[in-house]
Each structure stands twice: as C-alpha cells, then as structure tokens.
C-alpha cells in the first residue's frame, strides 16, 4: 500500500499550503485515491457507533469485570523515572548559587 502524502507540520508551511489551495494556486492533496467512497463512509459510520453499541450489549456484570481489570492494570504499573514521577527527587529543591570571589 502506498503511503499517503502528508501535510506539513510547520505552522507557517501549513498556512502557506492552505492559502495556496484556497487561492487555487495549488491542488489539494488527495488521500482517498483508489478507495470506494461508499465503503469509506460506511466504515466511518461503523467506527462512530462501535463503542456505544458494545457498551449497550454488555451486561452490568461484564462491564464491571472489564472496569476492574483495567483498573488493576493501571494501578499495577510502576512509575518510570523521568516521566512525570518524583522518582529520584527530594521533596525540597535547593537553589545553589556560585559564591562571590
């Protein structure tokens, strides 16, 4: 499968591209080449209602078991150092200034 062309990440480049498309100087990037429009819209519709339909089909006991399993997984994880945790840090930070010579 061919990779689809991406829009620039830089804000200025993206603004330039959008202005060029609006002015008709640049042709818009096509991403749906070779796809059936009807199939794309049906897939989108199914994705929008999938979670809600699943939640409605589960019993209260099943939902409770899924929630308990998810909570136990979340709480069993060990915090990684350097990723928002206080691992390896003291509670009080001390400011060290160089002494005047």
PDB file of N, CA and C in Angstrom:
ATOM      1  N   UNK A   1       0.845  -1.172   0.000  1.00  0.00           N
ATOM      2  CA  UNK A   1       0.000   0.000   0.000  1.00  0.00           C
ATOM      3  C   UNK A   1       0.892   1.238   0.000  1.00  0.00           C
ATOM      4  N   UNK A   2       0.594   2.161  -0.854  1.00  0.00           N
ATOM      5  CA  UNK A   2       1.389   3.381  -0.963  1.00  0.00           C
ATOM      6  C   UNK A   2       1.096   4.301   0.212  1.00  0.00           C
ATOM      7  N   UNK A   3       2.124   5.018   0.643  1.00  0.00           N
ATOM      8  CA  UNK A   3       1.906   5.956   1.735  1.00  0.00           C
ATOM      9  C   UNK A   3       1.221   7.199   1.202  1.00  0.00           C
ATOM     10  N   UNK A   4       0.346   7.750   1.990  1.00  0.00           N
ATOM     11  CA  UNK A   4      -0.381   8.934   1.547  1.00  0.00           C
ATOM     12  C   UNK A   4       0.477  10.182   1.805  1.00  0.00           C
ATOM     13  N   UNK A   5       0.365  11.189   0.964  1.00  0.00           N
ATOM     14  CA  UNK A   5       1.132  12.412   1.191  1.00  0.00           C
ATOM     15  C   UNK A   5       0.627  13.119   2.441  1.00  0.00           C
ATOM     16  N   UNK A   6       1.540  13.696   3.181  1.00  0.00           N
ATOM     17  CA  UNK A   6       1.167  14.346   4.429  1.00  0.00           C
ATOM     18  C   UNK A   6       1.255  15.853   4.283  1.00  0.00           C
ATOM     19  N   UNK A   7       0.462  16.532   5.069  1.00  0.00           N
ATOM     20  CA  UNK A   7       0.532  17.990   5.115  1.00  0.00           C
ATOM     21  C   UNK A   7       1.720  18.367   5.999  1.00  0.00           C
ATOM     22  N   UNK A   8       2.308  19.544   5.759  1.00  0.00           N
ATOM     23  CA  UNK A   8       3.457  19.952   6.566  1.00  0.00           C
ATOM     24  C   UNK A   8       3.075  20.150   8.034  1.00  0.00           C
ATOM     25  N   UNK A   9       4.000  19.877   8.940  1.00  0.00           N
ATOM     26  CA  UNK A   9       3.751  20.048  10.366  1.00  0.00           C
ATOM     27  C   UNK A   9       4.002  21.483  10.810  1.00  0.00           C
ATOM     28  N   UNK A  10       4.917  22.161  10.128  1.00  0.00           N
ATOM     29  CA  UNK A  10       5.235  23.531  10.483  1.00  0.00           C
ATOM     30  C   UNK A  10       4.025  24.422  10.230  1.00  0.00           C
ATOM     31  N   UNK A  11       3.709  25.269  11.200  1.00  0.00           N
ATOM     32  CA  UNK A  11       2.517  26.106  11.115  1.00  0.00           C
ATOM     33  C   UNK A  11       2.566  27.048   9.915  1.00  0.00           C
ATOM     34  N   UNK A  12       3.720  27.653   9.688  1.00  0.00           N
ATOM     35  CA  UNK A  12       3.830  28.598   8.571  1.00  0.00           C
ATOM     36  C   UNK A  12       3.694  27.890   7.225  1.00  0.00           C
ATOM     37  N   UNK A  13       4.315  26.730   7.084  1.00  0.00           N
ATOM     38  CA  UNK A  13       4.218  25.986   5.828  1.00  0.00           C
ATOM     39  C   UNK A  13       2.789  25.511   5.589  1.00  0.00           C
ATOM     40  N   UNK A  14       2.114  25.070   6.657  1.00  0.00           N
ATOM     41  CA  UNK A  14       0.732  24.627   6.530  1.00  0.00           C
ATOM     42  C   UNK A  14      -0.172  25.789   6.127  1.00  0.00           C
ATOM     43  N   UNK A  15       0.043  26.956   6.728  1.00  0.00           N
ATOM     44  CA  UNK A  15      -0.757  28.136   6.374  1.00  0.00           C
ATOM     45  C   UNK A  15      -0.534  28.516   4.917  1.00  0.00           C
ATOM     46  N   UNK A  16       0.709  28.426   4.463  1.00  0.00           N
ATOM     47  CA  UNK A  16       1.020  28.738   3.062  1.00  0.00           C
ATOM     48  C   UNK A  16       0.317  27.751   2.136  1.00  0.00           C
ATOM     49  N   UNK A  17       0.318  26.477   2.481  1.00  0.00           N
ATOM     50  CA  UNK A  17      -0.351  25.460   1.677  1.00  0.00           C
ATOM     51  C   UNK A  17      -1.856  25.712   1.612  1.00  0.00           C
ATOM     52  N   UNK A  18      -2.460  26.003   2.765  1.00  0.00           N
ATOM     53  CA  UNK A  18      -3.906  26.233   2.817  1.00  0.00           C
ATOM     54  C   UNK A  18      -4.281  27.475   2.009  1.00  0.00           C
ATOM     55  N   UNK A  19      -3.476  28.533   2.133  1.00  0.00           N
ATOM     56  CA  UNK A  19      -3.746  29.753   1.358  1.00  0.00           C
ATOM     57  C   UNK A  19      -3.623  29.466  -0.139  1.00  0.00           C
ATOM     58  N   UNK A  20      -2.635  28.668  -0.520  1.00  0.00           N
ATOM     59  CA  UNK A  20      -2.469  28.325  -1.932  1.00  0.00           C
ATOM     60  C   UNK A  20      -3.626  27.499  -2.460  1.00  0.00           C
ATOM     61  N   UNK A  21      -4.126  26.587  -1.635  1.00  0.00           N
ATOM     62  CA  UNK A  21      -5.279  25.768  -2.036  1.00  0.00           C
ATOM     63  C   UNK A  21      -6.516  26.650  -2.189  1.00  0.00           C
ATOM     64  N   UNK A  22      -6.720  27.576  -1.226  1.00  0.00           N
ATOM     65  CA  UNK A  22      -7.885  28.456  -1.265  1.00  0.00           C
ATOM     66  C   UNK A  22      -7.838  29.388  -2.475  1.00  0.00           C
ATOM     67  N   UNK A  23      -6.637  29.825  -2.841  1.00  0.00           N
ATOM     68  CA  UNK A  23      -6.491  30.732  -3.979  1.00  0.00           C
ATOM     69  C   UNK A  23      -6.516  29.991  -5.311  1.00  0.00           C
ATOM     70  N   UNK A  24      -6.420  28.678  -5.268  1.00  0.00           N
ATOM     71  CA  UNK A  24      -6.438  27.882  -6.481  1.00  0.00           C
ATOM     72  C   UNK A  24      -5.070  27.752  -7.136  1.00  0.00           C
ATOM     73  N   UNK A  25      -4.022  28.184  -6.445  1.00  0.00           N
ATOM     74  CA  UNK A  25      -2.670  28.091  -6.985  1.00  0.00           C
ATOM     75  C   UNK A  25      -2.093  26.680  -6.841  1.00  0.00           C
ATOM     76  N   UNK A  26      -2.524  25.979  -5.805  1.00  0.00           N
ATOM     77  CA  UNK A  26      -2.027  24.634  -5.512  1.00  0.00           C
ATOM     78  C   UNK A  26      -3.216  23.684  -5.478  1.00  0.00           C
ATOM     79  N   UNK A  27      -3.035  22.486  -6.023  1.00  0.00           N
ATOM     80  CA  UNK A  27      -4.103  21.487  -5.972  1.00  0.00           C
ATOM     81  C   UNK A  27      -4.040  20.777  -4.621  1.00  0.00           C
ATOM     82  N   UNK A  28      -5.208  20.538  -4.026  1.00  0.00           N
ATOM     83  CA  UNK A  28      -5.275  19.896  -2.716  1.00  0.00           C
ATOM     84  C   UNK A  28      -4.688  18.494  -2.773  1.00  0.00           C
ATOM     85  N   UNK A  29      -4.132  18.060  -1.650  1.00  0.00           N
ATOM     86  CA  UNK A  29      -3.552  16.721  -1.544  1.00  0.00           C
ATOM     87  C   UNK A  29      -4.683  15.700  -1.479  1.00  0.00           C
ATOM     88  N   UNK A  30      -4.665  14.732  -2.358  1.00  0.00           N
ATOM     89  CA  UNK A  30      -5.700  13.696  -2.392  1.00  0.00           C
ATOM     90  C   UNK A  30      -5.239  12.509  -1.556  1.00  0.00           C
ATOM     91  N   UNK A  31      -6.125  12.027  -0.663  1.00  0.00           N
ATOM     92  CA  UNK A  31      -5.763  10.892   0.175  1.00  0.00           C
ATOM     93  C   UNK A  31      -6.627   9.666  -0.087  1.00  0.00           C
ATOM     94  N   UNK A  32      -7.736   9.833  -0.780  1.00  0.00           N
ATOM     95  CA  UNK A  32      -8.662   8.716  -0.984  1.00  0.00           C
ATOM     96  C   UNK A  32      -8.547   8.108  -2.380  1.00  0.00           C
ATOM     97  N   UNK A  33      -7.363   8.166  -2.968  1.00  0.00           N
ATOM     98  CA  UNK A  33      -7.201   7.607  -4.308  1.00  0.00           C
ATOM     99  C   UNK A  33      -7.404   6.091  -4.275  1.00  0.00           C
ATOM    100  N   UNK A  34      -8.241   5.608  -5.162  1.00  0.00           N
ATOM    101  CA  UNK A  34      -8.459   4.177  -5.271  1.00  0.00           C
ATOM    102  C   UNK A  34      -9.418   3.596  -4.250  1.00  0.00           C
ATOM    103  N   UNK A  35     -10.032   4.431  -3.422  1.00  0.00           N
ATOM    104  CA  UNK A  35     -10.966   3.931  -2.412  1.00  0.00           C
ATOM    105  C   UNK A  35     -12.397   4.185  -2.866  1.00  0.00           C
ATOM    106  N   UNK A  36     -13.260   3.267  -2.518  1.00  0.00           N
ATOM    107  CA  UNK A  36     -14.676   3.394  -2.819  1.00  0.00           C
ATOM    108  C   UNK A  36     -15.296   4.342  -1.791  1.00  0.00           C
ATOM    109  N   UNK A  37     -15.891   5.440  -2.254  1.00  0.00           N
ATOM    110  CA  UNK A  37     -16.448   6.449  -1.354  1.00  0.00           C
ATOM    111  C   UNK A  37     -17.540   5.869  -0.462  1.00  0.00           C
ATOM    112  N   UNK A  38     -18.357   4.967  -1.016  1.00  0.00           N
ATOM    113  CA  UNK A  38     -19.432   4.365  -0.223  1.00  0.00           C
ATOM    114  C   UNK A  38     -18.856   3.509   0.906  1.00  0.00           C
ATOM    115  N   UNK A  39     -17.796   2.761   0.599  1.00  0.00           N
ATOM    116  CA  UNK A  39     -17.181   1.913   1.621  1.00  0.00           C
ATOM    117  C   UNK A  39     -16.519   2.760   2.698  1.00  0.00           C
ATOM    118  N   UNK A  40     -15.897   3.871   2.307  1.00  0.00           N
ATOM    119  CA  UNK A  40     -15.261   4.757   3.281  1.00  0.00           C
ATOM    120  C   UNK A  40     -16.303   5.330   4.229  1.00  0.00           C
ATOM    121  N   UNK A  41     -17.430   5.793   3.684  1.00  0.00           N
ATOM    122  CA  UNK A  41     -18.454   6.379   4.547  1.00  0.00           C
ATOM    123  C   UNK A  41     -19.079   5.334   5.463  1.00  0.00           C
ATOM    124  N   UNK A  42     -19.262   4.113   4.969  1.00  0.00           N
ATOM    125  CA  UNK A  42     -19.812   3.061   5.826  1.00  0.00           C
ATOM    126  C   UNK A  42     -18.840   2.699   6.942  1.00  0.00           C
ATOM    127  N   UNK A  43     -17.558   2.644   6.639  1.00  0.00           N
ATOM    128  CA  UNK A  43     -16.564   2.342   7.664  1.00  0.00           C
ATOM    129  C   UNK A  43     -16.524   3.409   8.734  1.00  0.00           C
ATOM    130  N   UNK A  44     -16.659   4.658   8.329  1.00  0.00           N
ATOM    131  CA  UNK A  44     -16.683   5.769   9.282  1.00  0.00           C
ATOM    132  C   UNK A  44     -17.908   5.667  10.176  1.00  0.00           C
ATOM    133  N   UNK A  45     -19.053   5.342   9.601  1.00  0.00           N
ATOM    134  CA  UNK A  45     -20.274   5.222  10.397  1.00  0.00           C
ATOM    135  C   UNK A  45     -20.157   4.102  11.421  1.00  0.00           C
ATOM    136  N   UNK A  46     -19.569   2.984  11.013  1.00  0.00           N
ATOM    137  CA  UNK A  46     -19.403   1.868  11.938  1.00  0.00           C
ATOM    138  C   UNK A  46     -18.464   2.213  13.079  1.00  0.00           C
ATOM    139  N   UNK A  47     -17.416   2.974  12.783  1.00  0.00           N
ATOM    140  CA  UNK A  47     -16.465   3.374  13.812  1.00  0.00           C
ATOM    141  C   UNK A  47     -17.070   4.329  14.819  1.00  0.00           C
ATOM    142  N   UNK A  48     -18.011   5.141  14.374  1.00  0.00           N
ATOM    143  CA  UNK A  48     -18.624   6.108  15.270  1.00  0.00           C
ATOM    144  C   UNK A  48     -19.569   5.462  16.278  1.00  0.00           C
ATOM    145  N   UNK A  49     -20.188   4.357  15.908  1.00  0.00           N
ATOM    146  CA  UNK A  49     -21.152   3.762  16.834  1.00  0.00           C
ATOM    147  C   UNK A  49     -20.658   2.474  17.486  1.00  0.00           C
ATOM    148  N   UNK A  50     -19.420   2.063  17.217  1.00  0.00           N
ATOM    149  CA  UNK A  50     -18.911   0.797  17.731  1.00  0.00           C
ATOM    150  C   UNK A  50     -18.838   0.703  19.243  1.00  0.00           C
ATOM    151  N   UNK A  51     -18.252   1.706  19.901  1.00  0.00           N
ATOM    152  CA  UNK A  51     -18.090   1.675  21.354  1.00  0.00           C
ATOM    153  C   UNK A  51     -19.419   1.753  22.076  1.00  0.00           C
ATOM    154  N   UNK A  52     -20.300   2.588  21.565  1.00  0.00           N
ATOM    155  CA  UNK A  52     -21.608   2.744  22.192  1.00  0.00           C
ATOM    156  C   UNK A  52     -22.426   1.459  22.063  1.00  0.00           C
ATOM    157  N   UNK A  53     -22.370   0.843  20.888  1.00  0.00           N
ATOM    158  CA  UNK A  53     -23.115  -0.399  20.670  1.00  0.00           C
ATOM    159  C   UNK A  53     -22.567  -1.515  21.563  1.00  0.00           C
ATOM    160  N   UNK A  54     -21.236  -1.553  21.722  1.00  0.00           N
ATOM    161  CA  UNK A  54     -20.630  -2.576  22.585  1.00  0.00           C
ATOM    162  C   UNK A  54     -21.064  -2.366  24.032  1.00  0.00           C
ATOM    163  N   UNK A  55     -21.062  -1.120  24.493  1.00  0.00           N
ATOM    164  CA  UNK A  55     -21.448  -0.828  25.870  1.00  0.00           C
ATOM    165  C   UNK A  55     -22.909  -1.215  26.127  1.00  0.00           C
ATOM    166  N   UNK A  56     -23.748  -0.989  25.139  1.00  0.00           N
ATOM    167  CA  UNK A  56     -25.164  -1.336  25.308  1.00  0.00           C
ATOM    168  C   UNK A  56     -25.381  -2.843  25.321  1.00  0.00           C
ATOM    169  N   UNK A  57     -24.524  -3.589  24.626  1.00  0.00           N
ATOM    170  CA  UNK A  57     -24.724  -5.031  24.551  1.00  0.00           C
ATOM    171  C   UNK A  57     -24.154  -5.772  25.756  1.00  0.00           C
ATOM    172  N   UNK A  58     -23.271  -5.131  26.525  1.00  0.00           N
ATOM    173  CA  UNK A  58     -22.683  -5.789  27.692  1.00  0.00           C
ATOM    174  C   UNK A  58     -23.620  -5.721  28.888  1.00  0.00           C
ATOM    175  N   UNK A  59     -23.564  -6.755  29.704  1.00  0.00           N
ATOM    176  CA  UNK A  59     -24.341  -6.740  30.940  1.00  0.00           C
ATOM    177  C   UNK A  59     -23.587  -5.917  31.977  1.00  0.00           C
ATOM    178  N   UNK A  60     -24.264  -5.576  33.061  1.00  0.00           N
ATOM    179  CA  UNK A  60     -23.631  -4.794  34.127  1.00  0.00           C
ATOM    180  C   UNK A  60     -22.453  -5.557  34.725  1.00  0.00           C
ATOM    181  N   UNK A  61     -22.589  -6.867  34.857  1.00  0.00           N
ATOM    182  CA  UNK A  61     -21.512  -7.680  35.419  1.00  0.00           C
ATOM    183  C   UNK A  61     -20.286  -7.683  34.492  1.00  0.00           C
ATOM    184  N   UNK A  62     -20.531  -7.791  33.183  1.00  0.00           N
ATOM    185  CA  UNK A  62     -19.420  -7.776  32.228  1.00  0.00           C
ATOM    186  C   UNK A  62     -18.698  -6.429  32.241  1.00  0.00           C
ATOM    187  N   UNK A  63     -19.477  -5.336  32.277  1.00  0.00           N
ATOM    188  CA  UNK A  63     -18.865  -4.005  32.329  1.00  0.00           C
ATOM    189  C   UNK A  63     -18.037  -3.845  33.596  1.00  0.00           C
ATOM    190  N   UNK A  64     -18.547  -4.361  34.716  1.00  0.00           N
ATOM    191  CA  UNK A  64     -17.829  -4.280  35.982  1.00  0.00           C
ATOM    192  C   UNK A  64     -16.516  -5.052  35.926  1.00  0.00           C
ATOM    193  N   UNK A  65     -16.540  -6.251  35.334  1.00  0.00           N
ATOM    194  CA  UNK A  65     -15.322  -7.056  35.223  1.00  0.00           C
ATOM    195  C   UNK A  65     -14.281  -6.370  34.338  1.00  0.00           C
ATOM    196  N   UNK A  66     -14.729  -5.773  33.244  1.00  0.00           N
ATOM    197  CA  UNK A  66     -13.815  -5.064  32.344  1.00  0.00           C
ATOM    198  C   UNK A  66     -13.198  -3.867  33.067  1.00  0.00           C
ATOM    199  N   UNK A  67     -14.013  -3.139  33.822  1.00  0.00           N
ATOM    200  CA  UNK A  67     -13.518  -1.968  34.553  1.00  0.00           C
ATOM    201  C   UNK A  67     -12.521  -2.375  35.639  1.00  0.00           C
ATOM    202  N   UNK A  68     -12.804  -3.467  36.344  1.00  0.00           N
ATOM    203  CA  UNK A  68     -11.887  -3.934  37.392  1.00  0.00           C
ATOM    204  C   UNK A  68     -10.548  -4.361  36.798  1.00  0.00           C
ATOM    205  N   UNK A  69     -10.606  -5.044  35.664  1.00  0.00           N
ATOM    206  CA  UNK A  69      -9.382  -5.490  35.002  1.00  0.00           C
ATOM    207  C   UNK A  69      -8.546  -4.290  34.560  1.00  0.00           C
ATOM    208  N   UNK A  70      -9.206  -3.284  33.991  1.00  0.00           N
ATOM    209  CA  UNK A  70      -8.497  -2.081  33.540  1.00  0.00           C
ATOM    210  C   UNK A  70      -7.882  -1.336  34.720  1.00  0.00           C
ATOM    211  N   UNK A  71      -8.632  -1.224  35.813  1.00  0.00           N
ATOM    212  CA  UNK A  71      -8.118  -0.518  36.991  1.00  0.00           C
ATOM    213  C   UNK A  71      -6.920  -1.250  37.588  1.00  0.00           C
ATOM    214  N   UNK A  72      -6.978  -2.568  37.639  1.00  0.00           N
ATOM    215  CA  UNK A  72      -5.854  -3.317  38.213  1.00  0.00           C
ATOM    216  C   UNK A  72      -4.610  -3.169  37.338  1.00  0.00           C
ATOM    217  N   UNK A  73      -4.788  -3.117  36.021  1.00  0.00           N
ATOM    218  CA  UNK A  73      -3.653  -2.908  35.116  1.00  0.00           C
ATOM    219  C   UNK A  73      -3.048  -1.524  35.327  1.00  0.00           C
ATOM    220  N   UNK A  74      -3.922  -0.505  35.466  1.00  0.00           N
ATOM    221  CA  UNK A  74      -3.418   0.859  35.669  1.00  0.00           C
ATOM    222  C   UNK A  74      -2.641   0.971  36.977  1.00  0.00           C
ATOM    223  N   UNK A  75      -3.159   0.396  38.044  1.00  0.00           N
ATOM    224  CA  UNK A  75      -2.532   0.539  39.355  1.00  0.00           C
ATOM    225  C   UNK A  75      -1.332  -0.378  39.538  1.00  0.00           C
ATOM    226  N   UNK A  76      -1.187  -1.409  38.706  1.00  0.00           N
ATOM    227  CA  UNK A  76      -0.054  -2.320  38.860  1.00  0.00           C
ATOM    228  C   UNK A  76       1.203  -1.799  38.173  1.00  0.00           C
ATOM    229  N   UNK A  77       1.080  -0.784  37.329  1.00  0.00           N
ATOM    230  CA  UNK A  77       2.238  -0.243  36.618  1.00  0.00           C
ATOM    231  C   UNK A  77       3.153   0.499  37.585  1.00  0.00           C
ATOM    232  N   UNK A  78       4.459   0.296  37.419  1.00  0.00           N
ATOM    233  CA  UNK A  78       5.444   1.016  38.209  1.00  0.00           C
ATOM    234  C   UNK A  78       5.754   2.323  37.487  1.00  0.00           C
ATOM    235  N   UNK A  79       5.840   3.436  38.208  1.00  0.00           N
ATOM    236  CA  UNK A  79       6.162   4.698  37.535  1.00  0.00           C
ATOM    237  C   UNK A  79       7.587   4.679  36.996  1.00  0.00           C
ATOM    238  N   UNK A  80       7.743   5.228  35.802  1.00  0.00           N
ATOM    239  CA  UNK A  80       9.060   5.279  35.186  1.00  0.00           C
ATOM    240  C   UNK A  80       9.769   6.545  35.626  1.00  0.00           C
ATOM    241  N   UNK A  81      11.060   6.440  35.882  1.00  0.00           N
ATOM    242  CA  UNK A  81      11.832   7.605  36.293  1.00  0.00           C
ATOM    243  C   UNK A  81      11.915   8.597  35.148  1.00  0.00           C
ATOM    244  N   UNK A  82      11.695   9.871  35.465  1.00  0.00           N
ATOM    245  CA  UNK A  82      11.815  10.908  34.452  1.00  0.00           C
ATOM    246  C   UNK A  82      10.566  11.152  33.641  1.00  0.00           C
ATOM    247  N   UNK A  83       9.496  10.451  33.914  1.00  0.00           N
ATOM    248  CA  UNK A  83       8.256  10.639  33.160  1.00  0.00           C
ATOM    249  C   UNK A  83       7.147  11.122  34.080  1.00  0.00           C
ATOM    250  N   UNK A  84       7.359  12.294  34.673  1.00  0.00           N
ATOM    251  CA  UNK A  84       6.314  12.880  35.499  1.00  0.00           C
ATOM    252  C   UNK A  84       6.281  12.372  36.922  1.00  0.00           C
ATOM    253  N   UNK A  85       7.120  11.413  37.260  1.00  0.00           N
ATOM    254  CA  UNK A  85       7.106  10.909  38.627  1.00  0.00           C
ATOM    255  C   UNK A  85       8.155  11.645  39.445  1.00  0.00           C
ATOM    256  N   UNK A  86       8.082  11.506  40.743  1.00  0.00           N
ATOM    257  CA  UNK A  86       9.056  12.136  41.626  1.00  0.00           C
ATOM    258  C   UNK A  86      10.200  11.199  41.964  1.00  0.00           C
ATOM    259  N   UNK A  87      10.389  10.148  41.177  1.00  0.00           N
ATOM    260  CA  UNK A  87      11.438   9.175  41.455  1.00  0.00           C
ATOM    261  C   UNK A  87      12.806   9.844  41.390  1.00  0.00           C
ATOM    262  N   UNK A  88      13.588   9.658  42.418  1.00  0.00           N
ATOM    263  CA  UNK A  88      14.946  10.181  42.444  1.00  0.00           C
ATOM    264  C   UNK A  88      15.036  11.648  42.812  1.00  0.00           C
ATOM    265  N   UNK A  89      13.957  12.266  43.232  1.00  0.00           N
ATOM    266  CA  UNK A  89      13.978  13.673  43.615  1.00  0.00           C
ATOM    267  C   UNK A  89      13.660  13.815  45.087  1.00  0.00           C
ATOM    268  N   UNK A  90      14.260  14.802  45.701  1.00  0.00           N
ATOM    269  CA  UNK A  90      13.891  15.098  47.078  1.00  0.00           C
ATOM    270  C   UNK A  90      12.678  16.013  47.047  1.00  0.00           C
ATOM    271  N   UNK A  91      11.960  16.093  48.129  1.00  0.00           N
ATOM    272  CA  UNK A  91      10.749  16.903  48.172  1.00  0.00           C
ATOM    273  C   UNK A  91      11.063  18.395  48.073  1.00  0.00           C
ATOM    274  N   UNK A  92      12.163  18.834  48.686  1.00  0.00           N
ATOM    275  CA  UNK A  92      12.508  20.240  48.662  1.00  0.00           C
ATOM    276  C   UNK A  92      13.678  20.456  47.711  1.00  0.00           C
ATOM    277  N   UNK A  93      13.484  21.322  46.759  1.00  0.00           N
ATOM    278  CA  UNK A  93      14.569  21.659  45.849  1.00  0.00           C
ATOM    279  C   UNK A  93      15.412  22.745  46.501  1.00  0.00           C
ATOM    280  N   UNK A  94      16.709  22.659  46.332  1.00  0.00           N
ATOM    281  CA  UNK A  94      17.610  23.624  46.937  1.00  0.00           C
ATOM    282  C   UNK A  94      18.318  24.386  45.842  1.00  0.00           C
ATOM    283  N   UNK A  95      18.295  25.700  45.901  1.00  0.00           N
ATOM    284  CA  UNK A  95      18.937  26.530  44.920  1.00  0.00           C
ATOM    285  C   UNK A  95      20.385  26.754  45.340  1.00  0.00           C
ATOM    286  N   UNK A  96      21.318  26.417  44.455  1.00  0.00           N
ATOM    287  CA  UNK A  96      22.736  26.575  44.742  1.00  0.00           C
ATOM    288  C   UNK A  96      23.273  27.697  43.877  1.00  0.00           C
ATOM    289  N   UNK A  97      23.783  28.749  44.524  1.00  0.00           N
ATOM    290  CA  UNK A  97      24.341  29.889  43.817  1.00  0.00           C
ATOM    291  C   UNK A  97      25.849  29.853  43.915  1.00  0.00           C
ATOM    292  N   UNK A  98      26.548  30.324  42.870  1.00  0.00           N
ATOM    293  CA  UNK A  98      28.004  30.375  42.977  1.00  0.00           C
ATOM    294  C   UNK A  98      28.427  31.453  43.965  1.00  0.00           C
ATOM    295  N   UNK A  99      29.452  31.162  44.706  1.00  0.00           N
ATOM    296  CA  UNK A  99      29.922  32.111  45.707  1.00  0.00           C
ATOM    297  C   UNK A  99      30.685  33.251  45.032  1.00  0.00           C
ATOM    298  N   UNK A 100      30.535  34.443  45.590  1.00  0.00           N
ATOM    299  CA  UNK A 100      31.266  35.602  45.042  1.00  0.00           C
ATOM    300  C   UNK A 100      32.742  35.454  45.334  1.00  0.00           C
ATOM    301  N   UNK A 101      33.578  35.734  44.361  1.00  0.00           N
ATOM    302  CA  UNK A 101      35.015  35.584  44.549  1.00  0.00           C
ATOM    303  C   UNK A 101      35.682  36.878  44.884  1.00  0.00           C
TER     304      UNK A 101
END
